[in-house]
């Protein structure tokens, strides 16, 4: 019995001696992290366990090693002083870290370094952290309309680029456009189309052929776009976006010499110019300006006439007094105006003027009075002869 007690004491002493000879032996490991998996664009809490298999360890410290996709939030210290860790003790340290929003799904390595008084160099800890986006996200990344301005009564092509900005794939994507006001309609398909699958970060394009009604007003139309889809876990999502369709047309305006009034080809007279809006859009701030020329002298108090608004299928006139220097002068005319979107336009014209005087009109009709007199005389003679002969009978 005494021998057993003696052997037990010896064993305890030998074990204690072995620990004393080995000294402190601290090991760090990732105990857990939350949430699991971690999500891009959010923080993750990481608990690190410090285990001591040797004698007491003093001045134990651990620090985070910044490396993509993990970083420290603002105000968070990168190293933590754990103090001392007793023999066979387990001590837990918590770090809060930020996960980069562009990190891919999957495992990413996280790194720490730790040391204690009986070691000279930092010891590295490296372990994987699982990353996975918890929610899917589809957006209308871009769109185009061809032509970029839709003309009333004509067709256009609408392309929508649908991008998966999440980190997980989506499926059964239904993309629709709301054309409820009746000014636009689809050609060759309905107002909704399906995309079977869009991988993470991928872009898919869908196309609609549109026709605008002839009564469509010139303005910017806001078109709602609806997106309904599922992620890989069959979770359903829905979202809406808006795009714009610009309705406009190229201005079509004509300018002609409507009439002239001259007493002589060399004397001052009045020229009337006529503007006609032949297009489908209304024009505004219309200004007519008569330029100088060696063919004529401008005698009007001003060479500029402000017309204002000129609606579609409407016309206006402007008068100018000029003194011709040649028999057939050519007018230099400028026309300034804006379209409904306040885009400036300027058109230049050279208009030939045919001067017709009253004497020109008299020359063209000089034989008319003579003919009328002859016809009257002839008629009177026939009448007289008829009644004369009747009286004799």
Foldseek 3Di string as FASTA:
>chain_A
DVVVVVVVVVVVVVVLVVLVVVDKDKDKDWPDKPPVQAEAQAKIKTKMKIFIQGAKWAFKKKFWDDDPQKDADPPFGGMDTPGMAGHRGIDMDMGIIHGHNPDAFAWDKTKMWMDTDVDDDTDIDIDIHGYAHPDKDKDQPDKAKVVLAAEAQAKIKIKTKIWTQHNFKWAFKKKFKDPPVPQKAWPPDHRIDTDGIHGHGGIDMDMTMMGGHNPDAFDKDKIKMKIWIATPVRDIDIDIDIDIHGHDDDWDKDKAFPDWEDQDLQAKTKTKMKMFGQDQFKWFQKKKFWDDDPQKAWPDPHRMDTDGIAGHGGMDMDMTIIGGPDQKAWIWMKIWIATPVRDIDIDIDTYIDHDDHPVNVCVVCVCVVVVVVVVVVVVVVVVVVVVVVVVVD
